[in-house]
């Protein structure tokens, strides 16, 4: 099937160069790229839990002064 796609000039030059170096066609390179994107599920990232204290409990950081917290983090009296 034929279609028209607008691609940035620099990106198209890079793709043509890569195809030539790889001994393939621009069409094959684009098709391969589309297959890879469509076949590979996007991995979601979940932030690690860095909670402090007990769930639903008092926040232990509220018991510490800002100066003491900075000292704990940085190891000095900035």
PDB file of N, CA and C in Angstrom:
ATOM      1  N   UNK A   1       0.847  -1.168   0.000  1.00  0.00           N
ATOM      2  CA  UNK A   1       0.000   0.000   0.000  1.00  0.00           C
ATOM      3  C   UNK A   1       0.893   1.232   0.000  1.00  0.00           C
ATOM      4  N   UNK A   2       0.536   2.218  -0.750  1.00  0.00           N
ATOM      5  CA  UNK A   2       1.299   3.456  -0.791  1.00  0.00           C
ATOM      6  C   UNK A   2       0.662   4.465   0.146  1.00  0.00           C
ATOM      7  N   UNK A   3       1.511   5.266   0.768  1.00  0.00           N
ATOM      8  CA  UNK A   3       1.030   6.341   1.631  1.00  0.00           C
ATOM      9  C   UNK A   3       2.053   7.461   1.604  1.00  0.00           C
ATOM     10  N   UNK A   4       1.671   8.611   2.054  1.00  0.00           N
ATOM     11  CA  UNK A   4       2.573   9.752   2.120  1.00  0.00           C
ATOM     12  C   UNK A   4       2.739  10.144   3.578  1.00  0.00           C
ATOM     13  N   UNK A   5       3.998  10.324   3.963  1.00  0.00           N
ATOM     14  CA  UNK A   5       4.306  10.711   5.336  1.00  0.00           C
ATOM     15  C   UNK A   5       5.304  11.856   5.286  1.00  0.00           C
ATOM     16  N   UNK A   6       5.062  12.892   6.069  1.00  0.00           N
ATOM     17  CA  UNK A   6       6.025  13.987   6.152  1.00  0.00           C
ATOM     18  C   UNK A   6       7.015  13.680   7.259  1.00  0.00           C
ATOM     19  N   UNK A   7       8.305  13.757   6.912  1.00  0.00           N
ATOM     20  CA  UNK A   7       9.390  13.454   7.844  1.00  0.00           C
ATOM     21  C   UNK A   7      10.360  14.632   7.827  1.00  0.00           C
ATOM     22  N   UNK A   8      10.898  14.982   8.967  1.00  0.00           N
ATOM     23  CA  UNK A   8      11.895  16.050   9.036  1.00  0.00           C
ATOM     24  C   UNK A   8      13.035  15.732   8.073  1.00  0.00           C
ATOM     25  N   UNK A   9      13.546  16.755   7.414  1.00  0.00           N
ATOM     26  CA  UNK A   9      14.605  16.567   6.422  1.00  0.00           C
ATOM     27  C   UNK A   9      15.814  15.836   7.004  1.00  0.00           C
ATOM     28  N   UNK A  10      16.266  16.286   8.169  1.00  0.00           N
ATOM     29  CA  UNK A  10      17.449  15.682   8.790  1.00  0.00           C
ATOM     30  C   UNK A  10      17.201  14.216   9.132  1.00  0.00           C
ATOM     31  N   UNK A  11      16.019  13.914   9.646  1.00  0.00           N
ATOM     32  CA  UNK A  11      15.685  12.540   9.991  1.00  0.00           C
ATOM     33  C   UNK A  11      15.650  11.668   8.743  1.00  0.00           C
ATOM     34  N   UNK A  12      15.103  12.193   7.668  1.00  0.00           N
ATOM     35  CA  UNK A  12      15.046  11.439   6.415  1.00  0.00           C
ATOM     36  C   UNK A  12      16.446  11.182   5.878  1.00  0.00           C
ATOM     37  N   UNK A  13      17.315  12.184   5.943  1.00  0.00           N
ATOM     38  CA  UNK A  13      18.707  11.985   5.493  1.00  0.00           C
ATOM     39  C   UNK A  13      19.389  10.896   6.314  1.00  0.00           C
ATOM     40  N   UNK A  14      19.179  10.940   7.634  1.00  0.00           N
ATOM     41  CA  UNK A  14      19.784   9.919   8.497  1.00  0.00           C
ATOM     42  C   UNK A  14      19.241   8.534   8.176  1.00  0.00           C
ATOM     43  N   UNK A  15      17.957   8.439   7.928  1.00  0.00           N
ATOM     44  CA  UNK A  15      17.338   7.146   7.622  1.00  0.00           C
ATOM     45  C   UNK A  15      17.856   6.598   6.293  1.00  0.00           C
ATOM     46  N   UNK A  16      17.956   7.453   5.281  1.00  0.00           N
ATOM     47  CA  UNK A  16      18.473   7.017   3.983  1.00  0.00           C
ATOM     48  C   UNK A  16      19.915   6.549   4.111  1.00  0.00           C
ATOM     49  N   UNK A  17      20.701   7.284   4.877  1.00  0.00           N
ATOM     50  CA  UNK A  17      22.105   6.911   5.085  1.00  0.00           C
ATOM     51  C   UNK A  17      22.208   5.570   5.815  1.00  0.00           C
ATOM     52  N   UNK A  18      21.404   5.397   6.841  1.00  0.00           N
ATOM     53  CA  UNK A  18      21.405   4.135   7.602  1.00  0.00           C
ATOM     54  C   UNK A  18      20.984   2.971   6.712  1.00  0.00           C
ATOM     55  N   UNK A  19      19.970   3.179   5.901  1.00  0.00           N
ATOM     56  CA  UNK A  19      19.513   2.124   4.994  1.00  0.00           C
ATOM     57  C   UNK A  19      20.615   1.751   4.016  1.00  0.00           C
ATOM     58  N   UNK A  20      21.285   2.751   3.473  1.00  0.00           N
ATOM     59  CA  UNK A  20      22.360   2.499   2.506  1.00  0.00           C
ATOM     60  C   UNK A  20      23.506   1.735   3.161  1.00  0.00           C
ATOM     61  N   UNK A  21      23.909   2.171   4.357  1.00  0.00           N
ATOM     62  CA  UNK A  21      24.997   1.481   5.068  1.00  0.00           C
ATOM     63  C   UNK A  21      24.609   0.048   5.402  1.00  0.00           C
ATOM     64  N   UNK A  22      23.330  -0.175   5.680  1.00  0.00           N
ATOM     65  CA  UNK A  22      22.854  -1.505   6.051  1.00  0.00           C
ATOM     66  C   UNK A  22      22.503  -2.372   4.851  1.00  0.00           C
ATOM     67  N   UNK A  23      22.677  -1.826   3.645  1.00  0.00           N
ATOM     68  CA  UNK A  23      22.380  -2.602   2.454  1.00  0.00           C
ATOM     69  C   UNK A  23      20.903  -2.920   2.294  1.00  0.00           C
ATOM     70  N   UNK A  24      20.057  -1.977   2.726  1.00  0.00           N
ATOM     71  CA  UNK A  24      18.616  -2.187   2.629  1.00  0.00           C
ATOM     72  C   UNK A  24      17.975  -0.952   2.009  1.00  0.00           C
ATOM     73  N   UNK A  25      16.691  -0.964   1.898  1.00  0.00           N
ATOM     74  CA  UNK A  25      15.977   0.176   1.339  1.00  0.00           C
ATOM     75  C   UNK A  25      15.371   1.014   2.448  1.00  0.00           C
ATOM     76  N   UNK A  26      15.045   2.246   2.094  1.00  0.00           N
ATOM     77  CA  UNK A  26      14.370   3.120   3.053  1.00  0.00           C
ATOM     78  C   UNK A  26      13.029   2.506   3.451  1.00  0.00           C
ATOM     79  N   UNK A  27      12.336   1.937   2.486  1.00  0.00           N
ATOM     80  CA  UNK A  27      11.048   1.309   2.767  1.00  0.00           C
ATOM     81  C   UNK A  27      11.205   0.197   3.806  1.00  0.00           C
ATOM     82  N   UNK A  28      12.208  -0.675   3.612  1.00  0.00           N
ATOM     83  CA  UNK A  28      12.421  -1.789   4.538  1.00  0.00           C
ATOM     84  C   UNK A  28      12.784  -1.271   5.931  1.00  0.00           C
ATOM     85  N   UNK A  29      13.583  -0.204   5.978  1.00  0.00           N
ATOM     86  CA  UNK A  29      13.978   0.375   7.262  1.00  0.00           C
ATOM     87  C   UNK A  29      12.754   0.926   8.002  1.00  0.00           C
ATOM     88  N   UNK A  30      11.905   1.650   7.285  1.00  0.00           N
ATOM     89  CA  UNK A  30      10.697   2.211   7.895  1.00  0.00           C
ATOM     90  C   UNK A  30       9.759   1.093   8.353  1.00  0.00           C
ATOM     91  N   UNK A  31       9.571   0.076   7.514  1.00  0.00           N
ATOM     92  CA  UNK A  31       8.695  -1.035   7.890  1.00  0.00           C
ATOM     93  C   UNK A  31       9.218  -1.751   9.129  1.00  0.00           C
ATOM     94  N   UNK A  32      10.538  -1.960   9.185  1.00  0.00           N
ATOM     95  CA  UNK A  32      11.135  -2.621  10.345  1.00  0.00           C
ATOM     96  C   UNK A  32      10.922  -1.783  11.603  1.00  0.00           C
ATOM     97  N   UNK A  33      11.110  -0.477  11.483  1.00  0.00           N
ATOM     98  CA  UNK A  33      10.900   0.402  12.635  1.00  0.00           C
ATOM     99  C   UNK A  33       9.457   0.380  13.116  1.00  0.00           C
ATOM    100  N   UNK A  34       8.528   0.410  12.188  1.00  0.00           N
ATOM    101  CA  UNK A  34       7.107   0.353  12.568  1.00  0.00           C
ATOM    102  C   UNK A  34       6.771  -0.976  13.233  1.00  0.00           C
ATOM    103  N   UNK A  35       7.303  -2.074  12.691  1.00  0.00           N
ATOM    104  CA  UNK A  35       7.043  -3.386  13.309  1.00  0.00           C
ATOM    105  C   UNK A  35       7.556  -3.425  14.743  1.00  0.00           C
ATOM    106  N   UNK A  36       8.753  -2.906  14.948  1.00  0.00           N
ATOM    107  CA  UNK A  36       9.334  -2.921  16.300  1.00  0.00           C
ATOM    108  C   UNK A  36       8.480  -2.120  17.279  1.00  0.00           C
ATOM    109  N   UNK A  37       8.029  -0.967  16.855  1.00  0.00           N
ATOM    110  CA  UNK A  37       7.212  -0.129  17.733  1.00  0.00           C
ATOM    111  C   UNK A  37       5.882  -0.805  18.025  1.00  0.00           C
ATOM    112  N   UNK A  38       5.283  -1.408  17.016  1.00  0.00           N
ATOM    113  CA  UNK A  38       3.965  -2.015  17.198  1.00  0.00           C
ATOM    114  C   UNK A  38       4.013  -3.345  17.943  1.00  0.00           C
ATOM    115  N   UNK A  39       5.121  -4.075  17.844  1.00  0.00           N
ATOM    116  CA  UNK A  39       5.215  -5.388  18.493  1.00  0.00           C
ATOM    117  C   UNK A  39       5.657  -5.296  19.944  1.00  0.00           C
ATOM    118  N   UNK A  40       6.499  -4.344  20.265  1.00  0.00           N
ATOM    119  CA  UNK A  40       7.031  -4.225  21.622  1.00  0.00           C
ATOM    120  C   UNK A  40       6.090  -3.411  22.489  1.00  0.00           C
ATOM    121  N   UNK A  41       5.550  -4.024  23.526  1.00  0.00           N
ATOM    122  CA  UNK A  41       4.703  -3.238  24.420  1.00  0.00           C
ATOM    123  C   UNK A  41       5.548  -2.213  25.169  1.00  0.00           C
ATOM    124  N   UNK A  42       4.981  -1.070  25.379  1.00  0.00           N
ATOM    125  CA  UNK A  42       5.675  -0.030  26.119  1.00  0.00           C
ATOM    126  C   UNK A  42       5.727  -0.439  27.582  1.00  0.00           C
ATOM    127  N   UNK A  43       6.923  -0.451  28.121  1.00  0.00           N
ATOM    128  CA  UNK A  43       7.063  -0.816  29.529  1.00  0.00           C
ATOM    129  C   UNK A  43       6.731   0.395  30.385  1.00  0.00           C
ATOM    130  N   UNK A  44       5.855   0.189  31.328  1.00  0.00           N
ATOM    131  CA  UNK A  44       5.552   1.287  32.234  1.00  0.00           C
ATOM    132  C   UNK A  44       6.563   1.274  33.367  1.00  0.00           C
ATOM    133  N   UNK A  45       6.773   2.422  33.917  1.00  0.00           N
ATOM    134  CA  UNK A  45       7.717   2.547  35.023  1.00  0.00           C
ATOM    135  C   UNK A  45       6.945   2.911  36.273  1.00  0.00           C
ATOM    136  N   UNK A  46       7.207   2.184  37.332  1.00  0.00           N
ATOM    137  CA  UNK A  46       6.562   2.481  38.600  1.00  0.00           C
ATOM    138  C   UNK A  46       7.627   2.971  39.570  1.00  0.00           C
ATOM    139  N   UNK A  47       7.379   4.118  40.155  1.00  0.00           N
ATOM    140  CA  UNK A  47       8.335   4.670  41.110  1.00  0.00           C
ATOM    141  C   UNK A  47       8.453   3.758  42.323  1.00  0.00           C
ATOM    142  N   UNK A  48       9.680   3.571  42.813  1.00  0.00           N
ATOM    143  CA  UNK A  48       9.831   2.766  44.021  1.00  0.00           C
ATOM    144  C   UNK A  48       9.225   3.501  45.217  1.00  0.00           C
ATOM    145  N   UNK A  49       8.733   2.738  46.166  1.00  0.00           N
ATOM    146  CA  UNK A  49       8.116   3.309  47.368  1.00  0.00           C
ATOM    147  C   UNK A  49       9.212   3.823  48.288  1.00  0.00           C
ATOM    148  N   UNK A  50       9.236   5.110  48.498  1.00  0.00           N
ATOM    149  CA  UNK A  50      10.213   5.739  49.396  1.00  0.00           C
ATOM    150  C   UNK A  50       9.510   6.384  50.586  1.00  0.00           C
ATOM    151  N   UNK A  51       8.378   5.808  50.948  1.00  0.00           N
ATOM    152  CA  UNK A  51       7.604   6.340  52.067  1.00  0.00           C
ATOM    153  C   UNK A  51       8.395   6.215  53.358  1.00  0.00           C
ATOM    154  N   UNK A  52       8.093   7.097  54.285  1.00  0.00           N
ATOM    155  CA  UNK A  52       8.705   7.027  55.608  1.00  0.00           C
ATOM    156  C   UNK A  52       7.602   6.802  56.635  1.00  0.00           C
ATOM    157  N   UNK A  53       7.946   6.131  57.706  1.00  0.00           N
ATOM    158  CA  UNK A  53       6.965   5.892  58.754  1.00  0.00           C
ATOM    159  C   UNK A  53       6.003   4.774  58.399  1.00  0.00           C
ATOM    160  N   UNK A  54       5.015   4.616  59.245  1.00  0.00           N
ATOM    161  CA  UNK A  54       4.014   3.573  59.046  1.00  0.00           C
ATOM    162  C   UNK A  54       2.827   4.124  58.269  1.00  0.00           C
ATOM    163  N   UNK A  55       2.218   3.313  57.406  1.00  0.00           N
ATOM    164  CA  UNK A  55       1.040   3.788  56.677  1.00  0.00           C
ATOM    165  C   UNK A  55      -0.052   4.251  57.643  1.00  0.00           C
ATOM    166  N   UNK A  56      -0.533   5.463  57.436  1.00  0.00           N
ATOM    167  CA  UNK A  56      -1.582   6.008  58.288  1.00  0.00           C
ATOM    168  C   UNK A  56      -1.074   6.553  59.608  1.00  0.00           C
ATOM    169  N   UNK A  57       0.204   6.348  59.887  1.00  0.00           N
ATOM    170  CA  UNK A  57       0.772   6.814  61.153  1.00  0.00           C
ATOM    171  C   UNK A  57       1.309   8.230  61.041  1.00  0.00           C
ATOM    172  N   UNK A  58       1.917   8.666  62.111  1.00  0.00           N
ATOM    173  CA  UNK A  58       2.490  10.001  62.157  1.00  0.00           C
ATOM    174  C   UNK A  58       3.719  10.066  61.251  1.00  0.00           C
ATOM    175  N   UNK A  59       3.888  11.177  60.577  1.00  0.00           N
ATOM    176  CA  UNK A  59       5.027  11.370  59.697  1.00  0.00           C
ATOM    177  C   UNK A  59       6.262  11.661  60.555  1.00  0.00           C
ATOM    178  N   UNK A  60       7.248  10.764  60.562  1.00  0.00           N
ATOM    179  CA  UNK A  60       8.419  10.976  61.417  1.00  0.00           C
ATOM    180  C   UNK A  60       9.245  12.197  61.016  1.00  0.00           C
ATOM    181  N   UNK A  61       9.095  12.646  59.773  1.00  0.00           N
ATOM    182  CA  UNK A  61       9.855  13.820  59.347  1.00  0.00           C
ATOM    183  C   UNK A  61       9.320  15.102  59.972  1.00  0.00           C
ATOM    184  N   UNK A  62       8.075  15.084  60.420  1.00  0.00           N
ATOM    185  CA  UNK A  62       7.513  16.268  61.063  1.00  0.00           C
ATOM    186  C   UNK A  62       8.081  16.477  62.463  1.00  0.00           C
ATOM    187  N   UNK A  63       8.724  15.448  63.003  1.00  0.00           N
ATOM    188  CA  UNK A  63       9.308  15.547  64.340  1.00  0.00           C
ATOM    189  C   UNK A  63      10.720  16.122  64.307  1.00  0.00           C
ATOM    190  N   UNK A  64      11.260  16.326  63.103  1.00  0.00           N
ATOM    191  CA  UNK A  64      12.642  16.784  62.943  1.00  0.00           C
ATOM    192  C   UNK A  64      12.629  18.209  62.408  1.00  0.00           C
ATOM    193  N   UNK A  65      13.515  19.047  62.930  1.00  0.00           N
ATOM    194  CA  UNK A  65      13.603  20.428  62.426  1.00  0.00           C
ATOM    195  C   UNK A  65      14.228  20.407  61.028  1.00  0.00           C
ATOM    196  N   UNK A  66      13.978  21.479  60.289  1.00  0.00           N
ATOM    197  CA  UNK A  66      14.542  21.591  58.946  1.00  0.00           C
ATOM    198  C   UNK A  66      16.074  21.554  59.008  1.00  0.00           C
ATOM    199  N   UNK A  67      16.672  22.210  59.978  1.00  0.00           N
ATOM    200  CA  UNK A  67      18.126  22.214  60.106  1.00  0.00           C
ATOM    201  C   UNK A  67      18.661  20.801  60.368  1.00  0.00           C
ATOM    202  N   UNK A  68      17.992  20.067  61.243  1.00  0.00           N
ATOM    203  CA  UNK A  68      18.418  18.694  61.523  1.00  0.00           C
ATOM    204  C   UNK A  68      18.240  17.794  60.298  1.00  0.00           C
ATOM    205  N   UNK A  69      17.171  18.018  59.567  1.00  0.00           N
ATOM    206  CA  UNK A  69      16.927  17.228  58.359  1.00  0.00           C
ATOM    207  C   UNK A  69      18.004  17.510  57.313  1.00  0.00           C
ATOM    208  N   UNK A  70      18.351  18.780  57.124  1.00  0.00           N
ATOM    209  CA  UNK A  70      19.434  19.129  56.177  1.00  0.00           C
ATOM    210  C   UNK A  70      20.749  18.487  56.612  1.00  0.00           C
ATOM    211  N   UNK A  71      21.010  18.535  57.913  1.00  0.00           N
ATOM    212  CA  UNK A  71      22.252  17.950  58.427  1.00  0.00           C
ATOM    213  C   UNK A  71      22.279  16.445  58.156  1.00  0.00           C
ATOM    214  N   UNK A  72      21.127  15.797  58.321  1.00  0.00           N
ATOM    215  CA  UNK A  72      21.025  14.357  58.069  1.00  0.00           C
ATOM    216  C   UNK A  72      21.246  14.042  56.592  1.00  0.00           C
ATOM    217  N   UNK A  73      20.673  14.878  55.722  1.00  0.00           N
ATOM    218  CA  UNK A  73      20.792  14.647  54.286  1.00  0.00           C
ATOM    219  C   UNK A  73      22.203  14.935  53.789  1.00  0.00           C
ATOM    220  N   UNK A  74      22.732  16.100  54.154  1.00  0.00           N
ATOM    221  CA  UNK A  74      24.005  16.563  53.593  1.00  0.00           C
ATOM    222  C   UNK A  74      25.205  16.261  54.476  1.00  0.00           C
ATOM    223  N   UNK A  75      24.983  15.929  55.720  1.00  0.00           N
ATOM    224  CA  UNK A  75      26.094  15.571  56.595  1.00  0.00           C
ATOM    225  C   UNK A  75      26.885  16.752  57.103  1.00  0.00           C
ATOM    226  N   UNK A  76      26.355  17.957  56.956  1.00  0.00           N
ATOM    227  CA  UNK A  76      27.056  19.125  57.477  1.00  0.00           C
ATOM    228  C   UNK A  76      26.053  20.234  57.773  1.00  0.00           C
ATOM    229  N   UNK A  77      26.550  21.405  58.156  1.00  0.00           N
ATOM    230  CA  UNK A  77      25.678  22.541  58.503  1.00  0.00           C
ATOM    231  C   UNK A  77      25.666  23.569  57.382  1.00  0.00           C
ATOM    232  N   UNK A  78      25.129  23.250  56.270  1.00  0.00           N
ATOM    233  CA  UNK A  78      25.130  24.184  55.135  1.00  0.00           C
ATOM    234  C   UNK A  78      24.336  25.413  55.450  1.00  0.00           C
TER     235      UNK A  78
END
